[in-house]
Amino acid sequence: MRRLWDSNIGRAIMLIVLMYLSGVFGFRFLYDYSWVDAFYMTVITITTVGFGEVHPPSASEKIFTSIFIVSSIFIVGYAIKVISEYILSKNKIGNLRQKKVQKKIDTLEGHVIVCGYGRNGKQAAQKLEAYAKPFVVVEFNEEVIERFEDEVLFVNGNAGEDEVLEKAGIERASCLICALPSDADNLFIVLSARQINPKLKIISRASEETSRKKLKLAGADNVIMPDLIGGDHMASLVVVPDLVEFLDNLTVSGEQDSINVEQIPFEKVCPNGHETAIKDLDLRSKTGCSIIGYKTPEGDYIVNPEASILLRKNSKLILIGRPNQIESLKQLYNV
């Protein structure tokens, strides 16, 4: 009761109740109204609807009613203000929205968690969206969340805290992308995430070469250095410009003239589990796609593999083709 009275909403409700009771008891005991008439007079006085009195009021009753009307105007006005602010409170609406978002996150399985929605995080999210891969973004900046909350599933908080990662569903996630600008923050997130989910694939951003080694030791599967890649890419545009522009077209643009790259696991191309040679798959004639790479079960990559190479369990094929050819590949093997 004490806590209720200390809150604005509690005070507003209790003032309305006290005002109502004072009106009922006043009309009942001061002016000898029946309980029904006292209730009726209190309601029409508070609401100021303008219905007639039960009987002609005396002078004292007019004074009581006048004071009661003025008091009710102030109290009801105060109550409406407080209750409206409570209902329309930005925090309350935000809490309702966050609960709705959390319900969606709780249904995800095998999704990707992106920590940070800056330049790199946003690019990663856009690529995941292009591949129709479900993802959740952990972001600390509330202004960023407010700007993009209609487009992305956000968890508001520090990704270095275990509780925040758990809200993002890290136990059920398949991959974690650390895209924060600080190497120290990314390192701490990698340590926390690896401890919670040892099977999680972790990809982290790094600015310094020394941080790259530490992130690997902490448990990151891949460490990307955007500055190094950017500089190398610009230099390549000078040395081999046509080759770089061709590689830039290996994307999921959806245009018929563009080129696309896709990977497909052994389990899809060999659903019976039997190890098969690449030439026996005959993927070129079936889909139009060409095999440009093979990842062995040990994690080694073979570029332009020979047709005689035997596909083994837990391996993957990397194929290149136009979007319509890639789509044929996906439909054939239900990728």
C-alpha atoms as a PDB file:
ATOM      1  CA  MET A   1       0.000   0.000   0.000  1.00  0.00           C
ATOM      2  CA  ARG A   2       2.851   2.348   0.856  1.00  0.00           C
ATOM      3  CA  ARG A   3       4.525   1.654  -2.498  1.00  0.00           C
ATOM      4  CA  LEU A   4       1.258   2.284  -4.352  1.00  0.00           C
ATOM      5  CA  TRP A   5       0.779   5.661  -2.607  1.00  0.00           C
ATOM      6  CA  ASP A   6       4.365   6.684  -3.390  1.00  0.00           C
ATOM      7  CA  SER A   7       3.758   6.310  -7.140  1.00  0.00           C
ATOM      8  CA  ASN A   8       1.919   8.997  -9.136  1.00  0.00           C
ATOM      9  CA  ILE A   9      -0.485   6.498 -10.619  1.00  0.00           C
ATOM     10  CA  GLY A  10      -1.235   5.097  -7.174  1.00  0.00           C
ATOM     11  CA  ARG A  11      -1.901   8.532  -5.706  1.00  0.00           C
ATOM     12  CA  ALA A  12      -4.212   9.418  -8.601  1.00  0.00           C
ATOM     13  CA  ILE A  13      -6.280   6.251  -8.177  1.00  0.00           C
ATOM     14  CA  MET A  14      -6.514   6.601  -4.412  1.00  0.00           C
ATOM     15  CA  LEU A  15      -7.558  10.279  -4.685  1.00  0.00           C
ATOM     16  CA  ILE A  16     -10.376   9.324  -7.043  1.00  0.00           C
ATOM     17  CA  VAL A  17     -11.532   6.559  -4.689  1.00  0.00           C
ATOM     18  CA  LEU A  18     -11.432   8.901  -1.660  1.00  0.00           C
ATOM     19  CA  MET A  19     -13.275  11.601  -3.572  1.00  0.00           C
ATOM     20  CA  TYR A  20     -15.979   9.137  -4.632  1.00  0.00           C
ATOM     21  CA  LEU A  21     -16.403   7.754  -1.117  1.00  0.00           C
ATOM     22  CA  SER A  22     -16.558  11.245   0.411  1.00  0.00           C
ATOM     23  CA  GLY A  23     -19.335  12.146  -2.031  1.00  0.00           C
ATOM     24  CA  VAL A  24     -21.375   9.017  -1.321  1.00  0.00           C
ATOM     25  CA  PHE A  25     -21.017   9.276   2.459  1.00  0.00           C
ATOM     26  CA  GLY A  26     -21.604  13.038   2.398  1.00  0.00           C
ATOM     27  CA  PHE A  27     -24.906  12.778   0.545  1.00  0.00           C
ATOM     28  CA  ARG A  28     -25.904   9.720   2.593  1.00  0.00           C
ATOM     29  CA  PHE A  29     -25.225  10.930   6.129  1.00  0.00           C
ATOM     30  CA  LEU A  30     -25.229  14.740   5.861  1.00  0.00           C
ATOM     31  CA  TYR A  31     -28.370  15.072   3.785  1.00  0.00           C
ATOM     32  CA  ASP A  32     -30.138  11.778   4.463  1.00  0.00           C
ATOM     33  CA  TYR A  33     -30.077  10.444   0.878  1.00  0.00           C
ATOM     34  CA  SER A  34     -30.623   6.733   0.294  1.00  0.00           C
ATOM     35  CA  TRP A  35     -27.550   4.730  -0.752  1.00  0.00           C
ATOM     36  CA  VAL A  36     -28.779   4.565  -4.351  1.00  0.00           C
ATOM     37  CA  ASP A  37     -29.520   8.298  -4.484  1.00  0.00           C
ATOM     38  CA  ALA A  38     -26.161   9.093  -2.837  1.00  0.00           C
ATOM     39  CA  PHE A  39     -24.381   6.973  -5.440  1.00  0.00           C
ATOM     40  CA  TYR A  40     -26.367   8.656  -8.234  1.00  0.00           C
ATOM     41  CA  MET A  41     -25.679  12.186  -7.011  1.00  0.00           C
ATOM     42  CA  THR A  42     -21.954  11.442  -6.616  1.00  0.00           C
ATOM     43  CA  VAL A  43     -21.656  10.060 -10.152  1.00  0.00           C
ATOM     44  CA  ILE A  44     -23.489  12.914 -11.894  1.00  0.00           C
ATOM     45  CA  THR A  45     -21.583  15.485  -9.838  1.00  0.00           C
ATOM     46  CA  ILE A  46     -18.135  14.036 -10.618  1.00  0.00           C
ATOM     47  CA  THR A  47     -18.895  13.499 -14.299  1.00  0.00           C
ATOM     48  CA  THR A  48     -20.740  16.850 -14.599  1.00  0.00           C
ATOM     49  CA  VAL A  49     -23.265  15.296 -16.987  1.00  0.00           C
ATOM     50  CA  GLY A  50     -25.964  17.783 -15.964  1.00  0.00           C
ATOM     51  CA  PHE A  51     -28.829  15.500 -14.906  1.00  0.00           C
ATOM     52  CA  GLY A  52     -31.318  16.838 -12.354  1.00  0.00           C
ATOM     53  CA  GLU A  53     -31.015  16.443  -8.588  1.00  0.00           C
ATOM     54  CA  VAL A  54     -33.040  13.843  -6.708  1.00  0.00           C
ATOM     55  CA  HIS A  55     -34.859  16.643  -4.877  1.00  0.00           C
ATOM     56  CA  PRO A  56     -34.396  20.427  -4.565  1.00  0.00           C
ATOM     57  CA  PRO A  57     -31.162  21.039  -2.595  1.00  0.00           C
ATOM     58  CA  SER A  58     -30.957  23.108   0.546  1.00  0.00           C
ATOM     59  CA  ALA A  59     -28.510  26.008   0.939  1.00  0.00           C
ATOM     60  CA  SER A  60     -25.912  23.896   2.787  1.00  0.00           C
ATOM     61  CA  GLU A  61     -26.317  21.099   0.257  1.00  0.00           C
ATOM     62  CA  LYS A  62     -25.638  23.575  -2.567  1.00  0.00           C
ATOM     63  CA  ILE A  63     -22.428  24.681  -0.832  1.00  0.00           C
ATOM     64  CA  PHE A  64     -21.341  21.052  -0.295  1.00  0.00           C
ATOM     65  CA  THR A  65     -22.108  20.178  -3.922  1.00  0.00           C
ATOM     66  CA  SER A  66     -20.267  23.246  -5.234  1.00  0.00           C
ATOM     67  CA  ILE A  67     -17.151  22.426  -3.201  1.00  0.00           C
ATOM     68  CA  PHE A  68     -17.420  18.807  -4.295  1.00  0.00           C
ATOM     69  CA  ILE A  69     -17.650  19.790  -7.992  1.00  0.00           C
ATOM     70  CA  VAL A  70     -14.598  22.080  -7.829  1.00  0.00           C
ATOM     71  CA  SER A  71     -12.578  19.452  -5.947  1.00  0.00           C
ATOM     72  CA  SER A  72     -13.567  16.719  -8.401  1.00  0.00           C
ATOM     73  CA  ILE A  73     -12.514  18.855 -11.383  1.00  0.00           C
ATOM     74  CA  PHE A  74      -8.982  19.247 -10.009  1.00  0.00           C
ATOM     75  CA  ILE A  75      -8.664  15.644  -8.809  1.00  0.00           C
ATOM     76  CA  VAL A  76     -10.067  14.082 -11.992  1.00  0.00           C
ATOM     77  CA  GLY A  77      -7.899  16.391 -14.113  1.00  0.00           C
ATOM     78  CA  TYR A  78      -4.821  15.355 -12.149  1.00  0.00           C
ATOM     79  CA  ALA A  79      -5.774  11.686 -12.429  1.00  0.00           C
ATOM     80  CA  ILE A  80      -6.325  11.904 -16.191  1.00  0.00           C
ATOM     81  CA  LYS A  81      -2.928  13.578 -16.623  1.00  0.00           C
ATOM     82  CA  VAL A  82      -1.075  10.992 -14.535  1.00  0.00           C
ATOM     83  CA  ILE A  83      -2.844   7.982 -16.042  1.00  0.00           C
ATOM     84  CA  SER A  84      -2.352   9.294 -19.588  1.00  0.00           C
ATOM     85  CA  GLU A  85       1.351   9.807 -18.966  1.00  0.00           C
ATOM     86  CA  TYR A  86       1.583   6.326 -17.527  1.00  0.00           C
ATOM     87  CA  ILE A  87      -0.159   4.676 -20.473  1.00  0.00           C
ATOM     88  CA  LEU A  88       1.651   6.736 -23.098  1.00  0.00           C
ATOM     89  CA  SER A  89       4.974   6.595 -21.332  1.00  0.00           C
ATOM     90  CA  LYS A  90       7.831   6.028 -23.751  1.00  0.00           C
ATOM     91  CA  ASN A  91       9.379   3.517 -21.387  1.00  0.00           C
ATOM     92  CA  LYS A  92       6.184   1.540 -21.057  1.00  0.00           C
ATOM     93  CA  ILE A  93       5.706   1.425 -24.829  1.00  0.00           C
ATOM     94  CA  GLY A  94       9.358   0.466 -25.194  1.00  0.00           C
ATOM     95  CA  ASN A  95       8.929  -2.335 -22.678  1.00  0.00           C
ATOM     96  CA  LEU A  96       5.906  -3.672 -24.533  1.00  0.00           C
ATOM     97  CA  ARG A  97       7.788  -3.509 -27.818  1.00  0.00           C
ATOM     98  CA  GLN A  98      10.824  -5.217 -26.288  1.00  0.00           C
ATOM     99  CA  LYS A  99       8.654  -8.012 -24.905  1.00  0.00           C
ATOM    100  CA  LYS A 100       7.179  -8.543 -28.355  1.00  0.00           C
ATOM    101  CA  VAL A 101      10.657  -8.605 -29.905  1.00  0.00           C
ATOM    102  CA  GLN A 102      11.902 -10.984 -27.206  1.00  0.00           C
ATOM    103  CA  LYS A 103       9.111 -13.428 -28.025  1.00  0.00           C
ATOM    104  CA  LYS A 104      10.264 -13.477 -31.647  1.00  0.00           C
ATOM    105  CA  ILE A 105      13.882 -13.990 -30.594  1.00  0.00           C
ATOM    106  CA  ASP A 106      12.908 -16.877 -28.317  1.00  0.00           C
ATOM    107  CA  THR A 107      11.493 -18.738 -31.332  1.00  0.00           C
ATOM    108  CA  LEU A 108      14.715 -18.506 -33.357  1.00  0.00           C
ATOM    109  CA  GLU A 109      16.986 -21.519 -33.797  1.00  0.00           C
ATOM    110  CA  GLY A 110      20.354 -21.608 -35.579  1.00  0.00           C
ATOM    111  CA  HIS A 111      20.320 -17.834 -36.054  1.00  0.00           C
ATOM    112  CA  VAL A 112      23.203 -15.342 -36.147  1.00  0.00           C
ATOM    113  CA  ILE A 113      23.972 -12.806 -33.416  1.00  0.00           C
ATOM    114  CA  VAL A 114      25.548  -9.541 -34.593  1.00  0.00           C
ATOM    115  CA  CYS A 115      27.202  -7.520 -31.833  1.00  0.00           C
ATOM    116  CA  GLY A 116      27.199  -3.850 -32.787  1.00  0.00           C
ATOM    117  CA  TYR A 117      25.248  -2.060 -35.495  1.00  0.00           C
ATOM    118  CA  GLY A 118      27.874   0.316 -36.761  1.00  0.00           C
ATOM    119  CA  ARG A 119      29.253   0.320 -40.301  1.00  0.00           C
ATOM    120  CA  ASN A 120      30.521  -3.282 -40.244  1.00  0.00           C
ATOM    121  CA  GLY A 121      27.612  -4.626 -38.240  1.00  0.00           C
ATOM    122  CA  LYS A 122      25.082  -3.021 -40.575  1.00  0.00           C
ATOM    123  CA  GLN A 123      26.821  -4.463 -43.647  1.00  0.00           C
ATOM    124  CA  ALA A 124      26.827  -7.906 -42.072  1.00  0.00           C
ATOM    125  CA  ALA A 125      23.129  -7.596 -41.258  1.00  0.00           C
ATOM    126  CA  GLN A 126      22.299  -6.551 -44.826  1.00  0.00           C
ATOM    127  CA  LYS A 127      24.154  -9.560 -46.238  1.00  0.00           C
ATOM    128  CA  LEU A 128      22.405 -11.918 -43.827  1.00  0.00           C
ATOM    129  CA  GLU A 129      19.064 -10.416 -44.808  1.00  0.00           C
ATOM    130  CA  ALA A 130      19.900 -10.943 -48.495  1.00  0.00           C
ATOM    131  CA  TYR A 131      20.510 -14.617 -47.762  1.00  0.00           C
ATOM    132  CA  ALA A 132      17.296 -14.801 -45.684  1.00  0.00           C
ATOM    133  CA  LYS A 133      19.383 -15.849 -42.670  1.00  0.00           C
ATOM    134  CA  PRO A 134      17.667 -14.980 -39.358  1.00  0.00           C
ATOM    135  CA  PHE A 135      19.730 -12.733 -37.106  1.00  0.00           C
ATOM    136  CA  VAL A 136      19.586 -10.682 -33.917  1.00  0.00           C
ATOM    137  CA  VAL A 137      21.553  -7.490 -33.272  1.00  0.00           C
ATOM    138  CA  VAL A 138      22.918  -6.637 -29.823  1.00  0.00           C
ATOM    139  CA  GLU A 139      23.303  -2.876 -29.566  1.00  0.00           C
ATOM    140  CA  PHE A 140      23.978  -0.561 -26.609  1.00  0.00           C
ATOM    141  CA  ASN A 141      23.114   2.752 -28.318  1.00  0.00           C
ATOM    142  CA  GLU A 142      19.395   3.431 -27.815  1.00  0.00           C
ATOM    143  CA  GLU A 143      19.319   6.070 -30.569  1.00  0.00           C
ATOM    144  CA  VAL A 144      20.448   3.470 -33.108  1.00  0.00           C
ATOM    145  CA  ILE A 145      17.808   1.035 -31.867  1.00  0.00           C
ATOM    146  CA  GLU A 146      15.044   3.631 -32.151  1.00  0.00           C
ATOM    147  CA  ARG A 147      16.100   4.436 -35.713  1.00  0.00           C
ATOM    148  CA  PHE A 148      16.120   0.846 -37.003  1.00  0.00           C
ATOM    149  CA  GLU A 149      13.863  -1.067 -34.585  1.00  0.00           C
ATOM    150  CA  ASP A 150      11.170  -1.517 -37.260  1.00  0.00           C
ATOM    151  CA  GLU A 151      13.645  -3.311 -39.535  1.00  0.00           C
ATOM    152  CA  VAL A 152      15.829  -5.366 -37.190  1.00  0.00           C
ATOM    153  CA  LEU A 153      15.399  -7.536 -34.087  1.00  0.00           C
ATOM    154  CA  PHE A 154      17.398  -5.735 -31.379  1.00  0.00           C
ATOM    155  CA  VAL A 155      18.520  -6.663 -27.898  1.00  0.00           C
ATOM    156  CA  ASN A 156      19.424  -3.522 -25.973  1.00  0.00           C
ATOM    157  CA  GLY A 157      22.471  -3.997 -23.767  1.00  0.00           C
ATOM    158  CA  ASN A 158      26.191  -4.646 -23.468  1.00  0.00           C
ATOM    159  CA  ALA A 159      27.134  -7.719 -25.499  1.00  0.00           C
ATOM    160  CA  GLY A 160      29.908  -8.436 -23.001  1.00  0.00           C
ATOM    161  CA  GLU A 161      27.323  -9.405 -20.374  1.00  0.00           C
ATOM    162  CA  ASP A 162      26.207 -13.027 -20.299  1.00  0.00           C
ATOM    163  CA  GLU A 163      22.578 -12.048 -19.581  1.00  0.00           C
ATOM    164  CA  VAL A 164      22.413  -9.947 -22.755  1.00  0.00           C
ATOM    165  CA  LEU A 165      23.874 -12.737 -24.891  1.00  0.00           C
ATOM    166  CA  GLU A 166      21.382 -15.165 -23.373  1.00  0.00           C
ATOM    167  CA  LYS A 167      18.530 -12.817 -24.304  1.00  0.00           C
ATOM    168  CA  ALA A 168      19.827 -12.932 -27.869  1.00  0.00           C
ATOM    169  CA  GLY A 169      19.567 -16.739 -27.732  1.00  0.00           C
ATOM    170  CA  ILE A 170      23.256 -17.568 -27.809  1.00  0.00           C
ATOM    171  CA  GLU A 171      22.612 -21.160 -26.673  1.00  0.00           C
ATOM    172  CA  ARG A 172      20.540 -21.748 -29.833  1.00  0.00           C
ATOM    173  CA  ALA A 173      22.587 -19.581 -32.220  1.00  0.00           C
ATOM    174  CA  SER A 174      24.821 -20.988 -34.936  1.00  0.00           C
ATOM    175  CA  CYS A 175      27.147 -18.024 -35.356  1.00  0.00           C
ATOM    176  CA  LEU A 176      28.286 -14.847 -33.581  1.00  0.00           C
ATOM    177  CA  ILE A 177      29.671 -11.776 -35.366  1.00  0.00           C
ATOM    178  CA  CYS A 178      31.613  -9.312 -33.197  1.00  0.00           C
ATOM    179  CA  ALA A 179      31.562  -6.008 -35.078  1.00  0.00           C
ATOM    180  CA  LEU A 180      32.356  -3.533 -32.303  1.00  0.00           C
ATOM    181  CA  PRO A 181      35.034  -0.893 -33.025  1.00  0.00           C
ATOM    182  CA  SER A 182      37.003  -1.767 -29.879  1.00  0.00           C
ATOM    183  CA  ASP A 183      39.251  -4.839 -30.055  1.00  0.00           C
ATOM    184  CA  ALA A 184      39.119  -5.156 -26.264  1.00  0.00           C
ATOM    185  CA  ASP A 185      35.316  -5.312 -26.305  1.00  0.00           C
ATOM    186  CA  ASN A 186      35.343  -7.893 -29.094  1.00  0.00           C
ATOM    187  CA  LEU A 187      37.885  -9.965 -27.180  1.00  0.00           C
ATOM    188  CA  PHE A 188      35.732  -9.990 -24.053  1.00  0.00           C
ATOM    189  CA  ILE A 189      32.634 -10.955 -26.056  1.00  0.00           C
ATOM    190  CA  VAL A 190      34.481 -13.818 -27.751  1.00  0.00           C
ATOM    191  CA  LEU A 191      35.602 -15.165 -24.359  1.00  0.00           C
ATOM    192  CA  SER A 192      32.089 -14.964 -22.922  1.00  0.00           C
ATOM    193  CA  ALA A 193      30.405 -16.448 -25.975  1.00  0.00           C
ATOM    194  CA  ARG A 194      32.842 -19.352 -26.275  1.00  0.00           C
ATOM    195  CA  GLN A 195      32.264 -20.211 -22.638  1.00  0.00           C
ATOM    196  CA  ILE A 196      28.478 -20.224 -23.018  1.00  0.00           C
ATOM    197  CA  ASN A 197      28.329 -22.079 -26.345  1.00  0.00           C
ATOM    198  CA  PRO A 198      31.479 -24.085 -27.234  1.00  0.00           C
ATOM    199  CA  LYS A 199      29.993 -25.142 -30.602  1.00  0.00           C
ATOM    200  CA  LEU A 200      29.306 -21.582 -31.724  1.00  0.00           C
ATOM    201  CA  LYS A 201      31.067 -20.267 -34.830  1.00  0.00           C
ATOM    202  CA  ILE A 202      32.586 -16.906 -33.921  1.00  0.00           C
ATOM    203  CA  ILE A 203      33.691 -14.254 -36.398  1.00  0.00           C
ATOM    204  CA  SER A 204      35.279 -11.107 -35.003  1.00  0.00           C
ATOM    205  CA  ARG A 205      36.469  -7.774 -36.298  1.00  0.00           C
ATOM    206  CA  ALA A 206      39.966  -6.541 -35.369  1.00  0.00           C
ATOM    207  CA  SER A 207      41.911  -3.332 -35.915  1.00  0.00           C
ATOM    208  CA  GLU A 208      45.394  -4.386 -34.802  1.00  0.00           C
ATOM    209  CA  GLU A 209      47.472  -7.398 -35.828  1.00  0.00           C
ATOM    210  CA  THR A 210      48.252  -8.161 -32.168  1.00  0.00           C
ATOM    211  CA  SER A 211      44.519  -8.273 -31.421  1.00  0.00           C
ATOM    212  CA  ARG A 212      44.024 -10.775 -34.227  1.00  0.00           C
ATOM    213  CA  LYS A 213      46.224 -13.314 -32.460  1.00  0.00           C
ATOM    214  CA  LYS A 214      44.544 -12.737 -29.106  1.00  0.00           C
ATOM    215  CA  LEU A 215      41.067 -13.130 -30.596  1.00  0.00           C
ATOM    216  CA  LYS A 216      42.126 -16.425 -32.155  1.00  0.00           C
ATOM    217  CA  LEU A 217      43.443 -17.634 -28.812  1.00  0.00           C
ATOM    218  CA  ALA A 218      40.210 -16.519 -27.124  1.00  0.00           C
ATOM    219  CA  GLY A 219      38.178 -18.759 -29.397  1.00  0.00           C
ATOM    220  CA  ALA A 220      37.333 -16.816 -32.574  1.00  0.00           C
ATOM    221  CA  ASP A 221      37.124 -19.047 -35.641  1.00  0.00           C
ATOM    222  CA  ASN A 222      37.762 -16.171 -38.047  1.00  0.00           C
ATOM    223  CA  VAL A 223      39.202 -12.707 -37.482  1.00  0.00           C
ATOM    224  CA  ILE A 224      38.606 -10.012 -40.097  1.00  0.00           C
ATOM    225  CA  MET A 225      40.635  -6.810 -40.362  1.00  0.00           C
ATOM    226  CA  PRO A 226      38.523  -4.366 -42.429  1.00  0.00           C
ATOM    227  CA  ASP A 227      41.318  -1.775 -42.754  1.00  0.00           C
ATOM    228  CA  LEU A 228      43.753  -4.370 -44.110  1.00  0.00           C
ATOM    229  CA  ILE A 229      41.172  -5.725 -46.547  1.00  0.00           C
ATOM    230  CA  GLY A 230      40.269  -2.218 -47.710  1.00  0.00           C
ATOM    231  CA  GLY A 231      43.869  -1.247 -48.412  1.00  0.00           C
ATOM    232  CA  ASP A 232      44.581  -4.506 -50.194  1.00  0.00           C
ATOM    233  CA  HIS A 233      41.429  -4.096 -52.280  1.00  0.00           C
ATOM    234  CA  MET A 234      42.378  -0.575 -53.381  1.00  0.00           C
ATOM    235  CA  ALA A 235      45.897  -1.677 -54.340  1.00  0.00           C
ATOM    236  CA  SER A 236      44.459  -4.612 -56.288  1.00  0.00           C
ATOM    237  CA  LEU A 237      42.297  -2.206 -58.288  1.00  0.00           C
ATOM    238  CA  VAL A 238      45.541  -0.646 -59.506  1.00  0.00           C
ATOM    239  CA  VAL A 239      47.425  -3.874 -60.219  1.00  0.00           C
ATOM    240  CA  VAL A 240      44.640  -6.164 -61.511  1.00  0.00           C
ATOM    241  CA  PRO A 241      41.547  -3.958 -61.910  1.00  0.00           C
ATOM    242  CA  ASP A 242      39.559  -6.261 -64.208  1.00  0.00           C
ATOM    243  CA  LEU A 243      40.055  -9.259 -61.940  1.00  0.00           C
ATOM    244  CA  VAL A 244      38.955  -7.312 -58.861  1.00  0.00           C
ATOM    245  CA  GLU A 245      35.866  -5.951 -60.604  1.00  0.00           C
ATOM    246  CA  PHE A 246      34.997  -9.484 -61.694  1.00  0.00           C
ATOM    247  CA  LEU A 247      35.334 -10.764 -58.122  1.00  0.00           C
ATOM    248  CA  ASP A 248      33.194  -7.879 -56.884  1.00  0.00           C
ATOM    249  CA  ASN A 249      30.374  -9.227 -59.056  1.00  0.00           C
ATOM    250  CA  LEU A 250      30.319 -12.496 -57.144  1.00  0.00           C
ATOM    251  CA  THR A 251      27.317 -11.446 -55.120  1.00  0.00           C
ATOM    252  CA  VAL A 252      23.626 -12.128 -54.522  1.00  0.00           C
ATOM    253  CA  SER A 253      22.342  -9.209 -56.555  1.00  0.00           C
ATOM    254  CA  GLY A 254      19.550 -11.173 -58.226  1.00  0.00           C
ATOM    255  CA  GLU A 255      20.305  -9.727 -61.670  1.00  0.00           C
ATOM    256  CA  GLN A 256      20.445 -12.159 -64.570  1.00  0.00           C
ATOM    257  CA  ASP A 257      23.784 -10.810 -65.845  1.00  0.00           C
ATOM    258  CA  SER A 258      25.523 -11.007 -62.474  1.00  0.00           C
ATOM    259  CA  ILE A 259      27.483 -13.968 -61.167  1.00  0.00           C
ATOM    260  CA  ASN A 260      26.843 -15.782 -57.972  1.00  0.00           C
ATOM    261  CA  VAL A 261      28.730 -18.136 -55.665  1.00  0.00           C
ATOM    262  CA  GLU A 262      27.169 -20.777 -53.455  1.00  0.00           C
ATOM    263  CA  GLN A 263      28.379 -23.549 -51.152  1.00  0.00           C
ATOM    264  CA  ILE A 264      26.652 -26.873 -50.702  1.00  0.00           C
ATOM    265  CA  PRO A 265      27.464 -29.544 -48.065  1.00  0.00           C
ATOM    266  CA  PHE A 266      28.132 -33.208 -48.728  1.00  0.00           C
ATOM    267  CA  GLU A 267      24.856 -34.194 -47.075  1.00  0.00           C
ATOM    268  CA  LYS A 268      22.890 -32.335 -49.769  1.00  0.00           C
ATOM    269  CA  VAL A 269      24.677 -33.626 -52.866  1.00  0.00           C
ATOM    270  CA  CYS A 270      24.998 -37.158 -51.455  1.00  0.00           C
ATOM    271  CA  PRO A 271      21.854 -37.684 -49.347  1.00  0.00           C
ATOM    272  CA  ASN A 272      22.413 -41.451 -49.273  1.00  0.00           C
ATOM    273  CA  GLY A 273      25.719 -40.897 -47.454  1.00  0.00           C
ATOM    274  CA  HIS A 274      27.807 -42.661 -50.106  1.00  0.00           C
ATOM    275  CA  GLU A 275      31.063 -40.943 -51.016  1.00  0.00           C
ATOM    276  CA  THR A 276      30.954 -39.947 -54.694  1.00  0.00           C
ATOM    277  CA  ALA A 277      33.421 -38.543 -57.220  1.00  0.00           C
ATOM    278  CA  ILE A 278      32.809 -35.020 -58.505  1.00  0.00           C
ATOM    279  CA  LYS A 279      32.466 -36.231 -62.102  1.00  0.00           C
ATOM    280  CA  ASP A 280      29.638 -38.579 -61.127  1.00  0.00           C
ATOM    281  CA  LEU A 281      27.542 -35.690 -59.825  1.00  0.00           C
ATOM    282  CA  ASP A 282      27.360 -34.094 -63.289  1.00  0.00           C
ATOM    283  CA  LEU A 283      26.387 -30.747 -61.740  1.00  0.00           C
ATOM    284  CA  ARG A 284      27.344 -28.752 -64.822  1.00  0.00           C
ATOM    285  CA  SER A 285      24.764 -30.398 -67.065  1.00  0.00           C
ATOM    286  CA  LYS A 286      22.090 -30.524 -64.342  1.00  0.00           C
ATOM    287  CA  THR A 287      22.276 -26.944 -63.100  1.00  0.00           C
ATOM    288  CA  GLY A 288      24.757 -25.020 -65.246  1.00  0.00           C
ATOM    289  CA  CYS A 289      26.942 -24.302 -62.190  1.00  0.00           C
ATOM    290  CA  SER A 290      30.668 -24.977 -62.167  1.00  0.00           C
ATOM    291  CA  ILE A 291      32.633 -26.309 -59.209  1.00  0.00           C
ATOM    292  CA  ILE A 292      35.452 -23.913 -58.323  1.00  0.00           C
ATOM    293  CA  GLY A 293      36.403 -25.180 -54.885  1.00  0.00           C
ATOM    294  CA  TYR A 294      36.293 -28.115 -52.503  1.00  0.00           C
ATOM    295  CA  LYS A 295      36.604 -27.961 -48.711  1.00  0.00           C
ATOM    296  CA  THR A 296      37.869 -31.183 -47.186  1.00  0.00           C
ATOM    297  CA  PRO A 297      36.576 -32.559 -43.858  1.00  0.00           C
ATOM    298  CA  GLU A 298      39.876 -31.397 -42.340  1.00  0.00           C
ATOM    299  CA  GLY A 299      39.153 -27.809 -43.371  1.00  0.00           C
ATOM    300  CA  ASP A 300      41.613 -27.570 -46.286  1.00  0.00           C
ATOM    301  CA  TYR A 301      40.538 -25.845 -49.511  1.00  0.00           C
ATOM    302  CA  ILE A 302      41.241 -27.145 -53.008  1.00  0.00           C
ATOM    303  CA  VAL A 303      40.804 -24.617 -55.808  1.00  0.00           C
ATOM    304  CA  ASN A 304      39.476 -25.947 -59.134  1.00  0.00           C
ATOM    305  CA  PRO A 305      39.345 -29.569 -57.915  1.00  0.00           C
ATOM    306  CA  GLU A 306      39.850 -32.445 -60.327  1.00  0.00           C
ATOM    307  CA  ALA A 307      36.785 -34.362 -61.464  1.00  0.00           C
ATOM    308  CA  SER A 308      38.224 -37.546 -59.972  1.00  0.00           C
ATOM    309  CA  ILE A 309      38.277 -36.156 -56.391  1.00  0.00           C
ATOM    310  CA  LEU A 310      36.052 -38.184 -54.085  1.00  0.00           C
ATOM    311  CA  LEU A 311      33.594 -36.228 -52.005  1.00  0.00           C
ATOM    312  CA  ARG A 312      33.841 -37.273 -48.378  1.00  0.00           C
ATOM    313  CA  LYS A 313      31.491 -36.812 -45.441  1.00  0.00           C
ATOM    314  CA  ASN A 314      31.568 -33.378 -43.754  1.00  0.00           C
ATOM    315  CA  SER A 315      33.056 -31.804 -46.886  1.00  0.00           C
ATOM    316  CA  LYS A 316      31.646 -28.949 -48.964  1.00  0.00           C
ATOM    317  CA  LEU A 317      31.545 -27.890 -52.610  1.00  0.00           C
ATOM    318  CA  ILE A 318      31.849 -24.261 -53.753  1.00  0.00           C
ATOM    319  CA  LEU A 319      30.107 -23.485 -57.035  1.00  0.00           C
ATOM    320  CA  ILE A 320      29.826 -20.493 -59.339  1.00  0.00           C
ATOM    321  CA  GLY A 321      26.988 -19.585 -61.649  1.00  0.00           C
ATOM    322  CA  ARG A 322      24.428 -17.022 -62.666  1.00  0.00           C
ATOM    323  CA  PRO A 323      21.526 -16.415 -60.271  1.00  0.00           C
ATOM    324  CA  ASN A 324      19.125 -18.601 -62.286  1.00  0.00           C
ATOM    325  CA  GLN A 325      21.688 -21.411 -62.287  1.00  0.00           C
ATOM    326  CA  ILE A 326      22.221 -21.082 -58.547  1.00  0.00           C
ATOM    327  CA  GLU A 327      18.461 -21.167 -58.093  1.00  0.00           C
ATOM    328  CA  SER A 328      18.334 -24.429 -60.094  1.00  0.00           C
ATOM    329  CA  LEU A 329      21.045 -25.804 -57.827  1.00  0.00           C
ATOM    330  CA  LYS A 330      19.087 -24.881 -54.712  1.00  0.00           C
ATOM    331  CA  GLN A 331      15.902 -26.429 -56.028  1.00  0.00           C
ATOM    332  CA  LEU A 332      17.669 -29.617 -57.101  1.00  0.00           C
ATOM    333  CA  TYR A 333      19.334 -30.202 -53.735  1.00  0.00           C
ATOM    334  CA  ASN A 334      16.864 -28.349 -51.510  1.00  0.00           C
ATOM    335  CA  VAL A 335      19.530 -25.994 -50.194  1.00  0.00           C
END
